[in-house]
Amino acid sequence: MTLFLNEKTTFQLPNAELIYIPNFYNNSQADQYFSRLRKTISWQQDDIKVFGKTYKQPRLTALYANNNKPYAYSNITMTPLPFTDELKRIKTDVEKTAEHQFTSVLLNLYRNGNDSNGWHADNEKELGKNPVIASLSFGAPRAFHFKHRQLKDEKHKLILEHGSLLIMKGEMQHYWLHQIPKTKKIIGERINLTFRTIV
């Protein structure tokens, strides 16, 4: 079932706390941030290995932080750049709502429907136990799939809209996987910011 939500929603899920705020930024604010981030972020495209073969990662990424701690996932190690002024302002807004302090933000640029992010959990050891992940979306709406590792009936799909904020808390990264799948639809660019605390 695909969910389109118009107001703040807290999901009652096993082993997870999930909060979705569709209008965290209004359309005008979201348009401005999308434009600025698209132009000013130092985007990169890393190589990934899948079954021994090397491919270009199917999206562009960037890492910014207020410390120098790198972030490693899928055999990729990223070294952060200092927060820009836009990222500092966004971080302050997100922290107030999430009631959590973040050190880092991983940005993803999905250029079209062929760009994606496969099934994974944000459970790297440097994120600590039960990490709080705040995911902010600008640009074209994309489907966010999430499923429980053990409970086969717990599968969900949420449309992440322009200016929306998704907060993942509790045990979610230990018990759930999530993805942004490819789509054959003609779709515009999307920028996603996932704020996290790297210890």
N, C-alpha and C. Protein backbone atom coordinates (compact mmCIF):
# COMPACT_ATOMS: atom_id res chain seq x y z
N MET A 1 0.84 -1.20 0.00
CA MET A 1 0.00 0.00 0.00
C MET A 1 0.88 1.25 0.00
N THR A 2 0.61 2.18 -0.91
CA THR A 2 1.37 3.42 -0.98
C THR A 2 0.66 4.49 -0.16
N LEU A 3 1.40 5.16 0.70
CA LEU A 3 0.83 6.16 1.59
C LEU A 3 1.17 7.57 1.11
N PHE A 4 0.13 8.41 0.94
CA PHE A 4 0.30 9.83 0.68
C PHE A 4 -0.29 10.56 1.89
N LEU A 5 0.54 11.25 2.64
CA LEU A 5 0.11 11.82 3.91
C LEU A 5 0.21 13.35 3.87
N ASN A 6 -0.80 14.02 4.41
CA ASN A 6 -0.86 15.48 4.37
C ASN A 6 -0.53 16.14 5.69
N GLU A 7 -0.38 15.37 6.73
CA GLU A 7 -0.07 15.95 8.03
C GLU A 7 0.89 15.03 8.78
N LYS A 8 1.46 15.54 9.86
CA LYS A 8 2.43 14.78 10.63
C LYS A 8 1.83 13.45 11.06
N THR A 9 2.58 12.38 10.81
CA THR A 9 2.11 11.04 11.12
C THR A 9 3.18 10.27 11.88
N THR A 10 2.78 9.64 12.97
CA THR A 10 3.67 8.75 13.72
C THR A 10 3.21 7.32 13.47
N PHE A 11 4.11 6.51 12.96
CA PHE A 11 3.78 5.13 12.63
C PHE A 11 4.00 4.25 13.87
N GLN A 12 3.02 3.42 14.15
CA GLN A 12 3.13 2.44 15.23
C GLN A 12 3.62 1.13 14.61
N LEU A 13 4.92 0.91 14.71
CA LEU A 13 5.53 -0.25 14.08
C LEU A 13 6.28 -1.08 15.10
N PRO A 14 6.38 -2.38 14.89
CA PRO A 14 7.20 -3.20 15.80
C PRO A 14 8.68 -2.86 15.65
N ASN A 15 9.34 -2.68 16.78
CA ASN A 15 10.79 -2.44 16.81
C ASN A 15 11.20 -1.16 16.08
N ALA A 16 10.34 -0.16 16.06
CA ALA A 16 10.72 1.06 15.35
C ALA A 16 9.85 2.24 15.77
N GLU A 17 10.43 3.42 15.67
CA GLU A 17 9.69 4.68 15.78
C GLU A 17 9.91 5.44 14.49
N LEU A 18 8.84 5.81 13.82
CA LEU A 18 8.93 6.47 12.52
C LEU A 18 7.95 7.64 12.50
N ILE A 19 8.46 8.83 12.19
CA ILE A 19 7.65 10.04 12.15
C ILE A 19 7.83 10.70 10.79
N TYR A 20 6.71 11.05 10.13
CA TYR A 20 6.76 11.68 8.82
C TYR A 20 6.05 13.02 8.87
N ILE A 21 6.75 14.08 8.42
CA ILE A 21 6.21 15.43 8.39
C ILE A 21 6.26 15.91 6.95
N PRO A 22 5.13 15.90 6.23
CA PRO A 22 5.16 16.18 4.79
C PRO A 22 5.52 17.62 4.44
N ASN A 23 5.13 18.58 5.27
CA ASN A 23 5.35 19.98 4.95
C ASN A 23 6.33 20.62 5.94
N PHE A 24 7.45 19.95 6.17
CA PHE A 24 8.46 20.50 7.07
C PHE A 24 8.93 21.86 6.56
N TYR A 25 9.16 21.96 5.26
CA TYR A 25 9.38 23.24 4.59
C TYR A 25 8.27 23.45 3.57
N ASN A 26 7.80 24.70 3.43
CA ASN A 26 6.78 24.96 2.41
C ASN A 26 7.43 24.93 1.03
N ASN A 27 6.61 24.98 -0.01
CA ASN A 27 7.13 24.81 -1.38
C ASN A 27 8.16 25.86 -1.75
N SER A 28 7.94 27.10 -1.34
CA SER A 28 8.88 28.16 -1.67
C SER A 28 10.24 27.93 -1.00
N GLN A 29 10.20 27.60 0.28
CA GLN A 29 11.46 27.31 1.00
C GLN A 29 12.16 26.10 0.40
N ALA A 30 11.40 25.05 0.12
CA ALA A 30 11.98 23.83 -0.43
C ALA A 30 12.58 24.08 -1.81
N ASP A 31 11.91 24.89 -2.64
CA ASP A 31 12.45 25.23 -3.96
C ASP A 31 13.80 25.94 -3.83
N GLN A 32 13.87 26.89 -2.89
CA GLN A 32 15.11 27.65 -2.71
C GLN A 32 16.25 26.75 -2.23
N TYR A 33 15.96 25.88 -1.27
CA TYR A 33 17.00 24.99 -0.76
C TYR A 33 17.46 24.00 -1.84
N PHE A 34 16.51 23.48 -2.61
CA PHE A 34 16.89 22.55 -3.68
C PHE A 34 17.85 23.23 -4.65
N SER A 35 17.51 24.43 -5.07
CA SER A 35 18.35 25.15 -6.03
C SER A 35 19.74 25.42 -5.48
N ARG A 36 19.81 25.86 -4.23
CA ARG A 36 21.11 26.17 -3.63
C ARG A 36 21.95 24.91 -3.44
N LEU A 37 21.35 23.86 -2.92
CA LEU A 37 22.10 22.63 -2.67
C LEU A 37 22.57 22.00 -3.99
N ARG A 38 21.73 22.06 -5.01
CA ARG A 38 22.11 21.48 -6.30
C ARG A 38 23.37 22.15 -6.85
N LYS A 39 23.48 23.47 -6.62
CA LYS A 39 24.59 24.24 -7.18
C LYS A 39 25.83 24.24 -6.30
N THR A 40 25.66 24.21 -4.97
CA THR A 40 26.79 24.48 -4.07
C THR A 40 27.42 23.25 -3.44
N ILE A 41 26.70 22.12 -3.43
CA ILE A 41 27.26 20.92 -2.79
C ILE A 41 28.32 20.29 -3.70
N SER A 42 29.38 19.78 -3.08
CA SER A 42 30.45 19.12 -3.84
C SER A 42 30.08 17.66 -4.07
N TRP A 43 29.29 17.43 -5.11
CA TRP A 43 28.79 16.09 -5.39
C TRP A 43 29.90 15.20 -5.95
N GLN A 44 29.85 13.91 -5.61
CA GLN A 44 30.81 12.95 -6.12
C GLN A 44 30.08 11.64 -6.45
N GLN A 45 30.70 10.84 -7.31
CA GLN A 45 30.14 9.53 -7.64
C GLN A 45 31.20 8.47 -7.40
N ASP A 46 30.98 7.66 -6.37
CA ASP A 46 31.95 6.64 -5.98
C ASP A 46 31.70 5.34 -6.73
N ASP A 47 32.72 4.50 -6.74
CA ASP A 47 32.60 3.15 -7.28
C ASP A 47 32.15 2.19 -6.18
N ILE A 48 31.32 1.24 -6.53
CA ILE A 48 30.92 0.19 -5.60
C ILE A 48 31.19 -1.16 -6.24
N LYS A 49 31.44 -2.16 -5.38
CA LYS A 49 31.66 -3.52 -5.87
C LYS A 49 30.46 -4.38 -5.55
N VAL A 50 29.97 -5.07 -6.56
CA VAL A 50 28.84 -5.99 -6.40
C VAL A 50 29.25 -7.32 -7.00
N PHE A 51 29.35 -8.34 -6.16
CA PHE A 51 29.76 -9.68 -6.59
C PHE A 51 31.05 -9.63 -7.40
N GLY A 52 32.01 -8.85 -6.90
CA GLY A 52 33.34 -8.80 -7.50
C GLY A 52 33.48 -7.86 -8.68
N LYS A 53 32.36 -7.27 -9.14
CA LYS A 53 32.43 -6.33 -10.27
C LYS A 53 32.27 -4.90 -9.75
N THR A 54 32.95 -3.97 -10.40
CA THR A 54 32.93 -2.58 -9.99
C THR A 54 31.97 -1.78 -10.86
N TYR A 55 31.10 -1.00 -10.21
CA TYR A 55 30.13 -0.17 -10.90
C TYR A 55 30.16 1.24 -10.31
N LYS A 56 29.67 2.19 -11.08
CA LYS A 56 29.44 3.52 -10.55
C LYS A 56 28.21 3.50 -9.65
N GLN A 57 28.32 4.11 -8.49
CA GLN A 57 27.18 4.18 -7.58
C GLN A 57 26.02 4.88 -8.29
N PRO A 58 24.79 4.33 -8.18
CA PRO A 58 23.67 4.88 -8.96
C PRO A 58 23.04 6.13 -8.34
N ARG A 59 23.86 7.09 -7.97
CA ARG A 59 23.45 8.38 -7.44
C ARG A 59 24.74 9.15 -7.11
N LEU A 60 24.61 10.44 -6.89
CA LEU A 60 25.73 11.24 -6.45
C LEU A 60 25.61 11.48 -4.94
N THR A 61 26.74 11.63 -4.26
CA THR A 61 26.71 11.77 -2.81
C THR A 61 27.68 12.86 -2.34
N ALA A 62 27.52 13.25 -1.08
CA ALA A 62 28.43 14.19 -0.43
C ALA A 62 28.26 14.03 1.07
N LEU A 63 29.33 14.29 1.82
CA LEU A 63 29.29 14.20 3.28
C LEU A 63 29.81 15.50 3.88
N TYR A 64 29.02 16.07 4.80
CA TYR A 64 29.42 17.28 5.52
C TYR A 64 29.26 17.03 7.01
N ALA A 65 30.09 17.69 7.82
CA ALA A 65 30.06 17.44 9.27
C ALA A 65 30.66 18.62 10.02
N ASN A 66 30.38 18.65 11.33
CA ASN A 66 31.02 19.65 12.19
C ASN A 66 32.19 19.04 12.95
N ASN A 67 32.56 17.82 12.56
CA ASN A 67 33.80 17.21 13.05
C ASN A 67 34.50 16.58 11.85
N ASN A 68 35.62 15.98 12.05
CA ASN A 68 36.37 15.40 10.93
C ASN A 68 36.20 13.90 10.80
N LYS A 69 35.14 13.36 11.43
CA LYS A 69 35.00 11.91 11.44
C LYS A 69 34.43 11.40 10.12
N PRO A 70 35.11 10.45 9.50
CA PRO A 70 34.63 9.89 8.23
C PRO A 70 33.44 8.97 8.46
N TYR A 71 32.80 8.61 7.37
CA TYR A 71 31.68 7.69 7.42
C TYR A 71 31.90 6.61 6.37
N ALA A 72 31.78 5.35 6.79
CA ALA A 72 32.05 4.23 5.89
C ALA A 72 30.80 3.37 5.73
N TYR A 73 30.49 3.02 4.48
CA TYR A 73 29.38 2.11 4.19
C TYR A 73 29.65 1.47 2.83
N SER A 74 29.24 0.23 2.67
CA SER A 74 29.37 -0.50 1.39
C SER A 74 30.78 -0.40 0.81
N ASN A 75 31.78 -0.53 1.68
CA ASN A 75 33.19 -0.46 1.28
C ASN A 75 33.59 0.90 0.71
N ILE A 76 32.81 1.93 1.03
CA ILE A 76 33.13 3.30 0.66
C ILE A 76 33.40 4.09 1.94
N THR A 77 34.50 4.81 1.99
CA THR A 77 34.80 5.67 3.13
C THR A 77 34.79 7.11 2.66
N MET A 78 33.92 7.91 3.26
CA MET A 78 33.78 9.32 2.89
C MET A 78 34.38 10.21 3.96
N THR A 79 35.12 11.21 3.54
CA THR A 79 35.69 12.20 4.46
C THR A 79 34.86 13.47 4.36
N PRO A 80 34.41 14.01 5.50
CA PRO A 80 33.46 15.13 5.44
C PRO A 80 34.12 16.47 5.11
N LEU A 81 33.32 17.34 4.52
CA LEU A 81 33.63 18.75 4.36
C LEU A 81 32.93 19.53 5.46
N PRO A 82 33.36 20.75 5.78
CA PRO A 82 32.67 21.56 6.79
C PRO A 82 31.27 21.95 6.31
N PHE A 83 30.34 22.06 7.26
CA PHE A 83 28.97 22.47 6.93
C PHE A 83 28.96 23.82 6.20
N THR A 84 28.16 23.92 5.16
CA THR A 84 27.91 25.20 4.51
C THR A 84 26.89 25.99 5.35
N ASP A 85 26.68 27.25 5.02
CA ASP A 85 25.70 28.06 5.76
C ASP A 85 24.30 27.48 5.60
N GLU A 86 23.94 27.04 4.37
CA GLU A 86 22.61 26.45 4.15
C GLU A 86 22.43 25.20 5.01
N LEU A 87 23.46 24.35 5.04
CA LEU A 87 23.36 23.11 5.81
C LEU A 87 23.26 23.39 7.31
N LYS A 88 23.93 24.43 7.78
CA LYS A 88 23.84 24.79 9.19
C LYS A 88 22.42 25.22 9.54
N ARG A 89 21.80 26.02 8.67
CA ARG A 89 20.43 26.47 8.93
C ARG A 89 19.46 25.29 8.92
N ILE A 90 19.63 24.42 7.93
CA ILE A 90 18.75 23.25 7.86
C ILE A 90 18.95 22.37 9.08
N LYS A 91 20.19 22.14 9.46
CA LYS A 91 20.49 21.29 10.62
C LYS A 91 19.82 21.81 11.88
N THR A 92 19.87 23.12 12.09
CA THR A 92 19.23 23.71 13.27
C THR A 92 17.73 23.46 13.27
N ASP A 93 17.09 23.62 12.11
CA ASP A 93 15.64 23.37 12.00
C ASP A 93 15.31 21.90 12.29
N VAL A 94 16.09 21.01 11.71
CA VAL A 94 15.84 19.57 11.88
C VAL A 94 16.05 19.15 13.33
N GLU A 95 17.10 19.67 13.95
CA GLU A 95 17.40 19.30 15.35
C GLU A 95 16.27 19.72 16.30
N LYS A 96 15.67 20.87 16.05
CA LYS A 96 14.56 21.32 16.91
C LYS A 96 13.39 20.35 16.86
N THR A 97 13.09 19.89 15.65
CA THR A 97 11.95 18.99 15.48
C THR A 97 12.29 17.57 15.95
N ALA A 98 13.48 17.11 15.64
CA ALA A 98 13.89 15.74 16.00
C ALA A 98 14.26 15.64 17.48
N GLU A 99 14.50 16.78 18.12
CA GLU A 99 14.94 16.82 19.53
C GLU A 99 16.19 15.97 19.70
N HIS A 100 17.14 16.20 18.79
CA HIS A 100 18.37 15.42 18.77
C HIS A 100 19.46 16.25 18.10
N GLN A 101 20.69 16.14 18.59
CA GLN A 101 21.81 16.86 18.01
C GLN A 101 22.55 15.96 17.01
N PHE A 102 22.80 16.50 15.82
CA PHE A 102 23.48 15.75 14.77
C PHE A 102 24.87 16.33 14.51
N THR A 103 25.78 15.47 14.09
CA THR A 103 27.14 15.90 13.75
C THR A 103 27.39 15.92 12.25
N SER A 104 26.62 15.15 11.49
CA SER A 104 26.94 14.91 10.09
C SER A 104 25.68 14.84 9.25
N VAL A 105 25.87 15.09 7.95
CA VAL A 105 24.78 14.89 7.00
C VAL A 105 25.34 14.24 5.74
N LEU A 106 24.71 13.15 5.34
CA LEU A 106 25.02 12.47 4.07
C LEU A 106 23.96 12.91 3.06
N LEU A 107 24.41 13.49 1.96
CA LEU A 107 23.49 13.95 0.93
C LEU A 107 23.52 13.01 -0.26
N ASN A 108 22.36 12.76 -0.85
CA ASN A 108 22.23 11.95 -2.05
C ASN A 108 21.50 12.75 -3.11
N LEU A 109 22.02 12.71 -4.33
CA LEU A 109 21.36 13.34 -5.47
C LEU A 109 20.91 12.24 -6.42
N TYR A 110 19.59 12.09 -6.54
CA TYR A 110 19.00 11.13 -7.48
C TYR A 110 18.66 11.92 -8.74
N ARG A 111 19.38 11.65 -9.83
CA ARG A 111 19.26 12.48 -11.02
C ARG A 111 18.02 12.15 -11.86
N ASN A 112 17.56 10.92 -11.77
CA ASN A 112 16.38 10.46 -12.52
C ASN A 112 15.92 9.14 -11.91
N GLY A 113 14.96 8.49 -12.56
CA GLY A 113 14.43 7.26 -12.01
C GLY A 113 15.39 6.10 -11.99
N ASN A 114 16.48 6.18 -12.77
CA ASN A 114 17.48 5.11 -12.76
C ASN A 114 18.38 5.16 -11.54
N ASP A 115 18.47 6.31 -10.89
CA ASP A 115 19.26 6.43 -9.67
C ASP A 115 18.46 5.85 -8.50
N SER A 116 19.16 5.18 -7.60
CA SER A 116 18.46 4.43 -6.55
C SER A 116 19.37 4.19 -5.37
N ASN A 117 18.80 3.57 -4.36
CA ASN A 117 19.54 3.16 -3.16
C ASN A 117 18.94 1.83 -2.73
N GLY A 118 19.72 0.76 -2.79
CA GLY A 118 19.20 -0.59 -2.53
C GLY A 118 18.88 -0.84 -1.06
N TRP A 119 18.34 -2.02 -0.79
CA TRP A 119 17.96 -2.39 0.58
C TRP A 119 19.16 -2.29 1.51
N HIS A 120 18.98 -1.58 2.62
CA HIS A 120 20.06 -1.41 3.59
C HIS A 120 19.48 -0.91 4.90
N ALA A 121 20.31 -0.89 5.93
CA ALA A 121 20.00 -0.25 7.20
C ALA A 121 21.15 0.66 7.56
N ASP A 122 20.85 1.76 8.22
CA ASP A 122 21.90 2.67 8.69
C ASP A 122 22.35 2.19 10.07
N ASN A 123 23.09 1.08 10.07
CA ASN A 123 23.46 0.42 11.33
C ASN A 123 24.97 0.30 11.49
N GLU A 124 25.72 1.16 10.81
CA GLU A 124 27.18 1.14 10.96
C GLU A 124 27.55 1.46 12.41
N LYS A 125 28.64 0.86 12.88
CA LYS A 125 28.99 0.96 14.29
C LYS A 125 29.25 2.40 14.73
N GLU A 126 29.74 3.25 13.81
CA GLU A 126 30.04 4.62 14.19
C GLU A 126 28.78 5.46 14.45
N LEU A 127 27.61 4.92 14.11
CA LEU A 127 26.36 5.62 14.39
C LEU A 127 25.83 5.33 15.78
N GLY A 128 26.43 4.37 16.48
CA GLY A 128 26.03 4.05 17.84
C GLY A 128 24.79 3.16 17.89
N LYS A 129 24.35 2.87 19.10
CA LYS A 129 23.18 2.02 19.31
C LYS A 129 21.90 2.82 19.11
N ASN A 130 20.94 2.24 18.41
CA ASN A 130 19.65 2.87 18.16
C ASN A 130 19.80 4.31 17.65
N PRO A 131 20.45 4.50 16.51
CA PRO A 131 20.68 5.86 16.01
C PRO A 131 19.39 6.55 15.59
N VAL A 132 19.38 7.87 15.75
CA VAL A 132 18.31 8.71 15.21
C VAL A 132 18.77 9.21 13.84
N ILE A 133 17.98 8.94 12.82
CA ILE A 133 18.28 9.37 11.46
C ILE A 133 17.15 10.28 11.00
N ALA A 134 17.50 11.50 10.59
CA ALA A 134 16.50 12.44 10.08
C ALA A 134 16.72 12.64 8.59
N SER A 135 15.73 12.27 7.79
CA SER A 135 15.86 12.25 6.33
C SER A 135 14.98 13.34 5.72
N LEU A 136 15.62 14.30 5.05
CA LEU A 136 14.93 15.45 4.48
C LEU A 136 14.96 15.36 2.96
N SER A 137 13.83 15.61 2.30
CA SER A 137 13.73 15.45 0.86
C SER A 137 13.39 16.77 0.17
N PHE A 138 14.11 17.03 -0.94
CA PHE A 138 13.80 18.16 -1.81
C PHE A 138 13.73 17.65 -3.24
N GLY A 139 12.80 18.20 -4.03
CA GLY A 139 12.73 17.82 -5.44
C GLY A 139 11.62 16.82 -5.72
N ALA A 140 11.84 16.00 -6.73
CA ALA A 140 10.81 15.07 -7.18
C ALA A 140 10.47 14.05 -6.09
N PRO A 141 9.19 13.78 -5.84
CA PRO A 141 8.81 12.75 -4.86
C PRO A 141 9.33 11.38 -5.29
N ARG A 142 9.77 10.61 -4.31
CA ARG A 142 10.22 9.24 -4.57
C ARG A 142 9.62 8.30 -3.54
N ALA A 143 9.46 7.05 -3.93
CA ALA A 143 8.92 6.03 -3.03
C ALA A 143 10.01 5.55 -2.08
N PHE A 144 9.65 5.45 -0.81
CA PHE A 144 10.53 4.94 0.25
C PHE A 144 9.92 3.62 0.72
N HIS A 145 10.61 2.52 0.47
CA HIS A 145 10.14 1.20 0.89
C HIS A 145 10.85 0.81 2.19
N PHE A 146 10.12 0.21 3.11
CA PHE A 146 10.76 -0.31 4.31
C PHE A 146 10.08 -1.60 4.74
N LYS A 147 10.92 -2.55 5.21
CA LYS A 147 10.39 -3.87 5.57
C LYS A 147 11.14 -4.40 6.78
N HIS A 148 10.42 -5.16 7.60
CA HIS A 148 10.99 -5.77 8.79
C HIS A 148 11.85 -6.97 8.38
N ARG A 149 12.98 -7.15 9.06
CA ARG A 149 13.88 -8.24 8.73
C ARG A 149 13.27 -9.62 9.04
N GLN A 150 12.40 -9.69 10.06
CA GLN A 150 11.89 -10.98 10.52
C GLN A 150 10.39 -11.16 10.28
N LEU A 151 9.62 -10.09 10.34
CA LEU A 151 8.17 -10.18 10.19
C LEU A 151 7.79 -9.92 8.74
N LYS A 152 7.46 -10.97 8.01
CA LYS A 152 7.26 -10.88 6.56
C LYS A 152 6.08 -9.99 6.17
N ASP A 153 5.08 -9.85 7.06
CA ASP A 153 3.91 -9.04 6.73
C ASP A 153 4.16 -7.55 6.94
N GLU A 154 5.27 -7.20 7.56
CA GLU A 154 5.56 -5.79 7.82
C GLU A 154 6.37 -5.21 6.66
N LYS A 155 5.64 -4.82 5.60
CA LYS A 155 6.22 -4.15 4.44
C LYS A 155 5.40 -2.91 4.15
N HIS A 156 6.07 -1.78 3.91
CA HIS A 156 5.35 -0.53 3.72
C HIS A 156 6.02 0.30 2.64
N LYS A 157 5.25 1.25 2.10
CA LYS A 157 5.76 2.18 1.09
C LYS A 157 5.22 3.57 1.40
N LEU A 158 6.11 4.54 1.40
CA LEU A 158 5.75 5.92 1.71
C LEU A 158 6.32 6.82 0.64
N ILE A 159 5.52 7.77 0.14
CA ILE A 159 6.01 8.73 -0.84
C ILE A 159 6.65 9.90 -0.11
N LEU A 160 7.96 10.08 -0.31
CA LEU A 160 8.68 11.19 0.32
C LEU A 160 8.57 12.41 -0.58
N GLU A 161 7.88 13.43 -0.10
CA GLU A 161 7.54 14.58 -0.93
C GLU A 161 8.51 15.74 -0.74
N HIS A 162 8.42 16.69 -1.66
CA HIS A 162 9.24 17.90 -1.67
C HIS A 162 9.06 18.66 -0.36
N GLY A 163 10.17 18.86 0.38
CA GLY A 163 10.12 19.58 1.65
C GLY A 163 9.74 18.75 2.85
N SER A 164 9.70 17.42 2.69
CA SER A 164 9.26 16.56 3.79
C SER A 164 10.42 16.09 4.65
N LEU A 165 10.09 15.73 5.90
CA LEU A 165 11.08 15.21 6.85
C LEU A 165 10.60 13.87 7.40
N LEU A 166 11.48 12.88 7.35
CA LEU A 166 11.21 11.56 7.91
C LEU A 166 12.22 11.30 9.01
N ILE A 167 11.73 10.96 10.21
CA ILE A 167 12.61 10.70 11.36
C ILE A 167 12.50 9.24 11.73
N MET A 168 13.64 8.55 11.73
CA MET A 168 13.69 7.13 12.11
C MET A 168 14.40 7.00 13.45
N LYS A 169 13.73 6.33 14.40
CA LYS A 169 14.25 6.26 15.77
C LYS A 169 14.11 4.85 16.32
N GLY A 170 14.55 4.70 17.59
CA GLY A 170 14.40 3.43 18.28
C GLY A 170 15.27 2.34 17.67
N GLU A 171 14.72 1.14 17.60
CA GLU A 171 15.47 -0.02 17.11
C GLU A 171 15.37 -0.20 15.60
N MET A 172 14.86 0.79 14.90
CA MET A 172 14.53 0.60 13.48
C MET A 172 15.70 0.13 12.64
N GLN A 173 16.89 0.68 12.86
CA GLN A 173 18.03 0.32 12.01
C GLN A 173 18.54 -1.10 12.27
N HIS A 174 18.11 -1.69 13.37
CA HIS A 174 18.50 -3.07 13.68
C HIS A 174 17.50 -4.08 13.12
N TYR A 175 16.23 -3.68 13.05
CA TYR A 175 15.18 -4.63 12.68
C TYR A 175 14.55 -4.38 11.31
N TRP A 176 14.84 -3.23 10.70
CA TRP A 176 14.21 -2.88 9.44
C TRP A 176 15.25 -2.56 8.37
N LEU A 177 14.88 -2.82 7.11
CA LEU A 177 15.65 -2.39 5.95
C LEU A 177 14.82 -1.36 5.18
N HIS A 178 15.50 -0.47 4.45
CA HIS A 178 14.78 0.50 3.63
C HIS A 178 15.52 0.72 2.32
N GLN A 179 14.80 1.26 1.33
CA GLN A 179 15.40 1.50 0.03
C GLN A 179 14.64 2.61 -0.71
N ILE A 180 15.32 3.20 -1.69
CA ILE A 180 14.70 4.06 -2.71
C ILE A 180 14.87 3.31 -4.03
N PRO A 181 13.84 2.63 -4.51
CA PRO A 181 14.00 1.78 -5.69
C PRO A 181 14.04 2.58 -6.99
N LYS A 182 14.55 1.93 -8.03
CA LYS A 182 14.49 2.52 -9.36
C LYS A 182 13.04 2.62 -9.81
N THR A 183 12.77 3.54 -10.73
CA THR A 183 11.44 3.65 -11.31
C THR A 183 11.56 3.92 -12.81
N LYS A 184 10.66 3.36 -13.59
CA LYS A 184 10.66 3.59 -15.03
C LYS A 184 9.92 4.88 -15.40
N LYS A 185 9.29 5.50 -14.42
CA LYS A 185 8.60 6.75 -14.68
C LYS A 185 9.61 7.86 -15.01
N ILE A 186 9.20 8.76 -15.86
CA ILE A 186 10.03 9.94 -16.12
C ILE A 186 9.90 10.85 -14.91
N ILE A 187 11.01 11.09 -14.24
CA ILE A 187 10.96 11.78 -12.96
C ILE A 187 12.15 12.72 -12.84
N GLY A 188 11.94 13.83 -12.16
CA GLY A 188 12.98 14.84 -12.02
C GLY A 188 13.97 14.50 -10.91
N GLU A 189 14.87 15.44 -10.65
CA GLU A 189 15.91 15.24 -9.66
C GLU A 189 15.37 15.34 -8.24
N ARG A 190 16.00 14.59 -7.34
CA ARG A 190 15.66 14.64 -5.92
C ARG A 190 16.95 14.73 -5.11
N ILE A 191 16.96 15.60 -4.11
CA ILE A 191 18.07 15.69 -3.18
C ILE A 191 17.58 15.24 -1.81
N ASN A 192 18.32 14.32 -1.22
CA ASN A 192 17.97 13.79 0.10
C ASN A 192 19.13 14.07 1.07
N LEU A 193 18.79 14.57 2.24
CA LEU A 193 19.77 14.82 3.30
C LEU A 193 19.45 13.92 4.47
N THR A 194 20.38 13.06 4.87
CA THR A 194 20.17 12.22 6.04
C THR A 194 21.12 12.65 7.14
N PHE A 195 20.53 13.31 8.14
CA PHE A 195 21.32 13.77 9.28
C PHE A 195 21.51 12.63 10.26
N ARG A 196 22.72 12.54 10.81
CA ARG A 196 23.08 11.46 11.72
C ARG A 196 24.14 11.94 12.69
N THR A 197 24.35 11.16 13.73
CA THR A 197 25.39 11.46 14.73
C THR A 197 26.46 10.40 14.64
N ILE A 198 27.66 10.80 14.25
CA ILE A 198 28.78 9.86 14.14
C ILE A 198 29.64 10.01 15.38
N VAL A 199 29.77 8.92 16.12
CA VAL A 199 30.49 8.96 17.41
C VAL A 199 31.91 8.41 17.25
